[in-house]
Amino acid sequence: MWAGGELEWVGGETNRLRVGQEVKEATKLVSALGKRTKAGEDMVVVGVEKSYETKEGVALIDKR
């Protein structure tokens, strides 16, 4: 389940993502928090940061 997030376009005018372009994705775990649902079940809420990099550098950061 995805509860929300934000996209940050950091590549500027010279480093946009294009259809057919080779892109490297890296995912970093930034947080993990144990919680209990209203039904009493355990769950883990995680925060991740994905970066999308082209040969010109990082173009997009996706925070969830």
PDB file of N, CA and C in Angstrom:
ATOM      1  N   MET A   1       0.840  -1.167   0.000  1.00  0.00           N
ATOM      2  CA  MET A   1       0.000   0.000   0.000  1.00  0.00           C
ATOM      3  C   MET A   1       0.893   1.242   0.000  1.00  0.00           C
ATOM      4  N   TRP A   2       0.479   2.238  -0.720  1.00  0.00           N
ATOM      5  CA  TRP A   2       1.221   3.493  -0.787  1.00  0.00           C
ATOM      6  C   TRP A   2       0.344   4.565  -0.177  1.00  0.00           C
ATOM      7  N   ALA A   3       0.813   5.207   0.904  1.00  0.00           N
ATOM      8  CA  ALA A   3      -0.006   6.177   1.631  1.00  0.00           C
ATOM      9  C   ALA A   3       0.227   7.616   1.174  1.00  0.00           C
ATOM     10  N   GLY A   4       1.285   7.893   0.482  1.00  0.00           N
ATOM     11  CA  GLY A   4       1.556   9.252   0.028  1.00  0.00           C
ATOM     12  C   GLY A   4       3.035   9.448  -0.224  1.00  0.00           C
ATOM     13  N   GLY A   5       3.386  10.607  -0.714  1.00  0.00           N
ATOM     14  CA  GLY A   5       4.781  10.886  -0.986  1.00  0.00           C
ATOM     15  C   GLY A   5       4.948  12.158  -1.781  1.00  0.00           C
ATOM     16  N   GLU A   6       6.151  12.352  -2.273  1.00  0.00           N
ATOM     17  CA  GLU A   6       6.430  13.527  -3.087  1.00  0.00           C
ATOM     18  C   GLU A   6       7.494  13.209  -4.121  1.00  0.00           C
ATOM     19  N   LEU A   7       7.423  13.903  -5.241  1.00  0.00           N
ATOM     20  CA  LEU A   7       8.416  13.776  -6.306  1.00  0.00           C
ATOM     21  C   LEU A   7       9.211  15.065  -6.375  1.00  0.00           C
ATOM     22  N   GLU A   8      10.531  14.924  -6.504  1.00  0.00           N
ATOM     23  CA  GLU A   8      11.401  16.083  -6.637  1.00  0.00           C
ATOM     24  C   GLU A   8      12.207  15.933  -7.929  1.00  0.00           C
ATOM     25  N   TRP A   9      11.919  16.797  -8.902  1.00  0.00           N
ATOM     26  CA  TRP A   9      12.632  16.778 -10.177  1.00  0.00           C
ATOM     27  C   TRP A   9      13.905  17.590 -10.007  1.00  0.00           C
ATOM     28  N   VAL A  10      15.041  16.905  -9.880  1.00  0.00           N
ATOM     29  CA  VAL A  10      16.307  17.575  -9.573  1.00  0.00           C
ATOM     30  C   VAL A  10      17.220  17.707 -10.793  1.00  0.00           C
ATOM     31  N   GLY A  11      16.823  17.124 -11.902  1.00  0.00           N
ATOM     32  CA  GLY A  11      17.688  17.098 -13.082  1.00  0.00           C
ATOM     33  C   GLY A  11      17.731  18.399 -13.868  1.00  0.00           C
ATOM     34  N   GLY A  12      16.740  19.266 -13.646  1.00  0.00           N
ATOM     35  CA  GLY A  12      16.709  20.515 -14.387  1.00  0.00           C
ATOM     36  C   GLY A  12      16.350  20.309 -15.849  1.00  0.00           C
ATOM     37  N   GLU A  13      16.527  21.342 -16.623  1.00  0.00           N
ATOM     38  CA  GLU A  13      16.169  21.311 -18.045  1.00  0.00           C
ATOM     39  C   GLU A  13      17.051  20.362 -18.858  1.00  0.00           C
ATOM     40  N   THR A  14      18.281  20.148 -18.425  1.00  0.00           N
ATOM     41  CA  THR A  14      19.223  19.356 -19.223  1.00  0.00           C
ATOM     42  C   THR A  14      19.165  17.862 -18.920  1.00  0.00           C
ATOM     43  N   ASN A  15      18.481  17.446 -17.851  1.00  0.00           N
ATOM     44  CA  ASN A  15      18.467  16.036 -17.469  1.00  0.00           C
ATOM     45  C   ASN A  15      17.041  15.581 -17.167  1.00  0.00           C
ATOM     46  N   ARG A  16      16.215  15.527 -18.190  1.00  0.00           N
ATOM     47  CA  ARG A  16      14.845  15.040 -18.043  1.00  0.00           C
ATOM     48  C   ARG A  16      14.781  13.571 -18.421  1.00  0.00           C
ATOM     49  N   LEU A  17      13.822  12.851 -17.829  1.00  0.00           N
ATOM     50  CA  LEU A  17      13.615  11.452 -18.194  1.00  0.00           C
ATOM     51  C   LEU A  17      12.881  11.393 -19.531  1.00  0.00           C
ATOM     52  N   ARG A  18      13.335  10.477 -20.398  1.00  0.00           N
ATOM     53  CA  ARG A  18      12.747  10.348 -21.725  1.00  0.00           C
ATOM     54  C   ARG A  18      12.372   8.886 -21.994  1.00  0.00           C
ATOM     55  N   VAL A  19      11.335   8.686 -22.772  1.00  0.00           N
ATOM     56  CA  VAL A  19      10.905   7.338 -23.152  1.00  0.00           C
ATOM     57  C   VAL A  19      12.042   6.637 -23.879  1.00  0.00           C
ATOM     58  N   GLY A  20      12.329   5.394 -23.480  1.00  0.00           N
ATOM     59  CA  GLY A  20      13.366   4.603 -24.120  1.00  0.00           C
ATOM     60  C   GLY A  20      14.765   4.818 -23.561  1.00  0.00           C
ATOM     61  N   GLN A  21      14.908   5.784 -22.665  1.00  0.00           N
ATOM     62  CA  GLN A  21      16.213   6.107 -22.085  1.00  0.00           C
ATOM     63  C   GLN A  21      16.588   5.068 -21.019  1.00  0.00           C
ATOM     64  N   GLU A  22      17.861   4.743 -20.920  1.00  0.00           N
ATOM     65  CA  GLU A  22      18.327   3.843 -19.868  1.00  0.00           C
ATOM     66  C   GLU A  22      18.443   4.631 -18.567  1.00  0.00           C
ATOM     67  N   VAL A  23      17.800   4.098 -17.504  1.00  0.00           N
ATOM     68  CA  VAL A  23      17.759   4.771 -16.206  1.00  0.00           C
ATOM     69  C   VAL A  23      18.080   3.766 -15.116  1.00  0.00           C
ATOM     70  N   LYS A  24      18.875   4.181 -14.135  1.00  0.00           N
ATOM     71  CA  LYS A  24      19.206   3.333 -12.987  1.00  0.00           C
ATOM     72  C   LYS A  24      18.370   3.793 -11.799  1.00  0.00           C
ATOM     73  N   GLU A  25      17.674   2.839 -11.156  1.00  0.00           N
ATOM     74  CA  GLU A  25      16.873   3.146  -9.973  1.00  0.00           C
ATOM     75  C   GLU A  25      17.586   2.603  -8.738  1.00  0.00           C
ATOM     76  N   ALA A  26      17.659   3.430  -7.698  1.00  0.00           N
ATOM     77  CA  ALA A  26      18.217   2.998  -6.417  1.00  0.00           C
ATOM     78  C   ALA A  26      17.186   3.294  -5.337  1.00  0.00           C
ATOM     79  N   THR A  27      16.967   2.331  -4.436  1.00  0.00           N
ATOM     80  CA  THR A  27      15.997   2.495  -3.354  1.00  0.00           C
ATOM     81  C   THR A  27      16.722   2.443  -2.018  1.00  0.00           C
ATOM     82  N   LYS A  28      16.415   3.433  -1.162  1.00  0.00           N
ATOM     83  CA  LYS A  28      17.022   3.515   0.165  1.00  0.00           C
ATOM     84  C   LYS A  28      15.917   3.480   1.217  1.00  0.00           C
ATOM     85  N   LEU A  29      16.039   2.617   2.208  1.00  0.00           N
ATOM     86  CA  LEU A  29      15.104   2.574   3.322  1.00  0.00           C
ATOM     87  C   LEU A  29      15.482   3.691   4.286  1.00  0.00           C
ATOM     88  N   VAL A  30      14.560   4.636   4.541  1.00  0.00           N
ATOM     89  CA  VAL A  30      14.879   5.775   5.402  1.00  0.00           C
ATOM     90  C   VAL A  30      14.230   5.682   6.779  1.00  0.00           C
ATOM     91  N   SER A  31      13.169   4.856   6.918  1.00  0.00           N
ATOM     92  CA  SER A  31      12.556   4.684   8.239  1.00  0.00           C
ATOM     93  C   SER A  31      11.723   3.413   8.259  1.00  0.00           C
ATOM     94  N   ALA A  32      11.524   2.893   9.455  1.00  0.00           N
ATOM     95  CA  ALA A  32      10.652   1.738   9.675  1.00  0.00           C
ATOM     96  C   ALA A  32      10.072   1.874  11.079  1.00  0.00           C
ATOM     97  N   LEU A  33       8.742   1.848  11.175  1.00  0.00           N
ATOM     98  CA  LEU A  33       8.075   2.070  12.446  1.00  0.00           C
ATOM     99  C   LEU A  33       6.999   1.014  12.646  1.00  0.00           C
ATOM    100  N   GLY A  34       7.109   0.277  13.736  1.00  0.00           N
ATOM    101  CA  GLY A  34       6.099  -0.720  14.072  1.00  0.00           C
ATOM    102  C   GLY A  34       4.844  -0.042  14.607  1.00  0.00           C
ATOM    103  N   LYS A  35       3.679  -0.493  14.154  1.00  0.00           N
ATOM    104  CA  LYS A  35       2.396   0.063  14.600  1.00  0.00           C
ATOM    105  C   LYS A  35       1.402  -1.065  14.776  1.00  0.00           C
ATOM    106  N   ARG A  36       0.297  -0.733  15.436  1.00  0.00           N
ATOM    107  CA  ARG A  36      -0.798  -1.689  15.607  1.00  0.00           C
ATOM    108  C   ARG A  36      -2.042  -1.068  14.980  1.00  0.00           C
ATOM    109  N   THR A  37      -2.754  -1.855  14.181  1.00  0.00           N
ATOM    110  CA  THR A  37      -3.978  -1.368  13.548  1.00  0.00           C
ATOM    111  C   THR A  37      -5.109  -1.290  14.571  1.00  0.00           C
ATOM    112  N   LYS A  38      -6.207  -0.658  14.186  1.00  0.00           N
ATOM    113  CA  LYS A  38      -7.385  -0.587  15.070  1.00  0.00           C
ATOM    114  C   LYS A  38      -7.937  -1.966  15.379  1.00  0.00           C
ATOM    115  N   ALA A  39      -7.703  -2.923  14.473  1.00  0.00           N
ATOM    116  CA  ALA A  39      -8.143  -4.307  14.675  1.00  0.00           C
ATOM    117  C   ALA A  39      -7.173  -5.086  15.561  1.00  0.00           C
ATOM    118  N   GLY A  40      -6.069  -4.436  15.991  1.00  0.00           N
ATOM    119  CA  GLY A  40      -5.114  -5.097  16.870  1.00  0.00           C
ATOM    120  C   GLY A  40      -4.016  -5.865  16.156  1.00  0.00           C
ATOM    121  N   GLU A  41      -3.926  -5.733  14.843  1.00  0.00           N
ATOM    122  CA  GLU A  41      -2.897  -6.440  14.083  1.00  0.00           C
ATOM    123  C   GLU A  41      -1.634  -5.596  13.997  1.00  0.00           C
ATOM    124  N   ASP A  42      -0.488  -6.271  13.998  1.00  0.00           N
ATOM    125  CA  ASP A  42       0.794  -5.578  13.872  1.00  0.00           C
ATOM    126  C   ASP A  42       1.085  -5.255  12.414  1.00  0.00           C
ATOM    127  N   MET A  43       1.744  -4.130  12.188  1.00  0.00           N
ATOM    128  CA  MET A  43       2.188  -3.768  10.848  1.00  0.00           C
ATOM    129  C   MET A  43       3.431  -2.901  10.957  1.00  0.00           C
ATOM    130  N   VAL A  44       4.136  -2.741   9.857  1.00  0.00           N
ATOM    131  CA  VAL A  44       5.326  -1.902   9.799  1.00  0.00           C
ATOM    132  C   VAL A  44       5.110  -0.841   8.728  1.00  0.00           C
ATOM    133  N   VAL A  45       5.276   0.421   9.113  1.00  0.00           N
ATOM    134  CA  VAL A  45       5.185   1.535   8.172  1.00  0.00           C
ATOM    135  C   VAL A  45       6.619   1.920   7.803  1.00  0.00           C
ATOM    136  N   VAL A  46       6.919   1.875   6.503  1.00  0.00           N
ATOM    137  CA  VAL A  46       8.283   2.172   6.062  1.00  0.00           C
ATOM    138  C   VAL A  46       8.304   3.439   5.208  1.00  0.00           C
ATOM    139  N   GLY A  47       9.416   4.139   5.266  1.00  0.00           N
ATOM    140  CA  GLY A  47       9.674   5.279   4.396  1.00  0.00           C
ATOM    141  C   GLY A  47      10.819   4.917   3.476  1.00  0.00           C
ATOM    142  N   VAL A  48      10.628   5.140   2.189  1.00  0.00           N
ATOM    143  CA  VAL A  48      11.680   4.844   1.222  1.00  0.00           C
ATOM    144  C   VAL A  48      11.933   6.060   0.339  1.00  0.00           C
ATOM    145  N   GLU A  49      13.140   6.116  -0.176  1.00  0.00           N
ATOM    146  CA  GLU A  49      13.522   7.162  -1.119  1.00  0.00           C
ATOM    147  C   GLU A  49      14.105   6.487  -2.345  1.00  0.00           C
ATOM    148  N   LYS A  50      13.487   6.722  -3.487  1.00  0.00           N
ATOM    149  CA  LYS A  50      13.960   6.152  -4.746  1.00  0.00           C
ATOM    150  C   LYS A  50      14.580   7.265  -5.575  1.00  0.00           C
ATOM    151  N   SER A  51      15.733   6.991  -6.144  1.00  0.00           N
ATOM    152  CA  SER A  51      16.350   7.971  -7.039  1.00  0.00           C
ATOM    153  C   SER A  51      16.486   7.334  -8.419  1.00  0.00           C
ATOM    154  N   TYR A  52      16.282   8.155  -9.443  1.00  0.00           N
ATOM    155  CA  TYR A  52      16.344   7.722 -10.830  1.00  0.00           C
ATOM    156  C   TYR A  52      17.462   8.512 -11.506  1.00  0.00           C
ATOM    157  N   GLU A  53      18.467   7.773 -11.975  1.00  0.00           N
ATOM    158  CA  GLU A  53      19.682   8.404 -12.491  1.00  0.00           C
ATOM    159  C   GLU A  53      19.923   8.038 -13.950  1.00  0.00           C
ATOM    160  N   THR A  54      20.234   9.044 -14.747  1.00  0.00           N
ATOM    161  CA  THR A  54      20.625   8.846 -16.142  1.00  0.00           C
ATOM    162  C   THR A  54      22.142   9.028 -16.227  1.00  0.00           C
ATOM    163  N   LYS A  55      22.687   8.960 -17.421  1.00  0.00           N
ATOM    164  CA  LYS A  55      24.135   9.163 -17.562  1.00  0.00           C
ATOM    165  C   LYS A  55      24.541  10.589 -17.206  1.00  0.00           C
ATOM    166  N   GLU A  56      23.568  11.526 -17.183  1.00  0.00           N
ATOM    167  CA  GLU A  56      23.851  12.910 -16.810  1.00  0.00           C
ATOM    168  C   GLU A  56      23.742  13.157 -15.302  1.00  0.00           C
ATOM    169  N   GLY A  57      23.276  12.160 -14.548  1.00  0.00           N
ATOM    170  CA  GLY A  57      23.126  12.306 -13.102  1.00  0.00           C
ATOM    171  C   GLY A  57      21.702  12.048 -12.655  1.00  0.00           C
ATOM    172  N   VAL A  58      21.415  12.308 -11.392  1.00  0.00           N
ATOM    173  CA  VAL A  58      20.080  12.056 -10.825  1.00  0.00           C
ATOM    174  C   VAL A  58      19.079  13.018 -11.452  1.00  0.00           C
ATOM    175  N   ALA A  59      17.965  12.473 -11.932  1.00  0.00           N
ATOM    176  CA  ALA A  59      16.926  13.275 -12.572  1.00  0.00           C
ATOM    177  C   ALA A  59      15.703  13.434 -11.671  1.00  0.00           C
ATOM    178  N   LEU A  60      15.417  12.413 -10.852  1.00  0.00           N
ATOM    179  CA  LEU A  60      14.184  12.408 -10.063  1.00  0.00           C
ATOM    180  C   LEU A  60      14.409  11.712  -8.735  1.00  0.00           C
ATOM    181  N   ILE A  61      13.827  12.264  -7.661  1.00  0.00           N
ATOM    182  CA  ILE A  61      13.821  11.610  -6.348  1.00  0.00           C
ATOM    183  C   ILE A  61      12.373  11.443  -5.934  1.00  0.00           C
ATOM    184  N   ASP A  62      12.008  10.215  -5.603  1.00  0.00           N
ATOM    185  CA  ASP A  62      10.644   9.845  -5.212  1.00  0.00           C
ATOM    186  C   ASP A  62      10.686   9.448  -3.739  1.00  0.00           C
ATOM    187  N   LYS A  63      10.014  10.230  -2.886  1.00  0.00           N
ATOM    188  CA  LYS A  63       9.976   9.948  -1.440  1.00  0.00           C
ATOM    189  C   LYS A  63       8.603   9.429  -1.073  1.00  0.00           C
ATOM    190  N   ARG A  64       8.569   8.244  -0.430  1.00  0.00           N
ATOM    191  CA  ARG A  64       7.299   7.652  -0.005  1.00  0.00           C
ATOM    192  C   ARG A  64       7.363   7.298   1.462  1.00  0.00           C
TER     193      ARG A  64
END
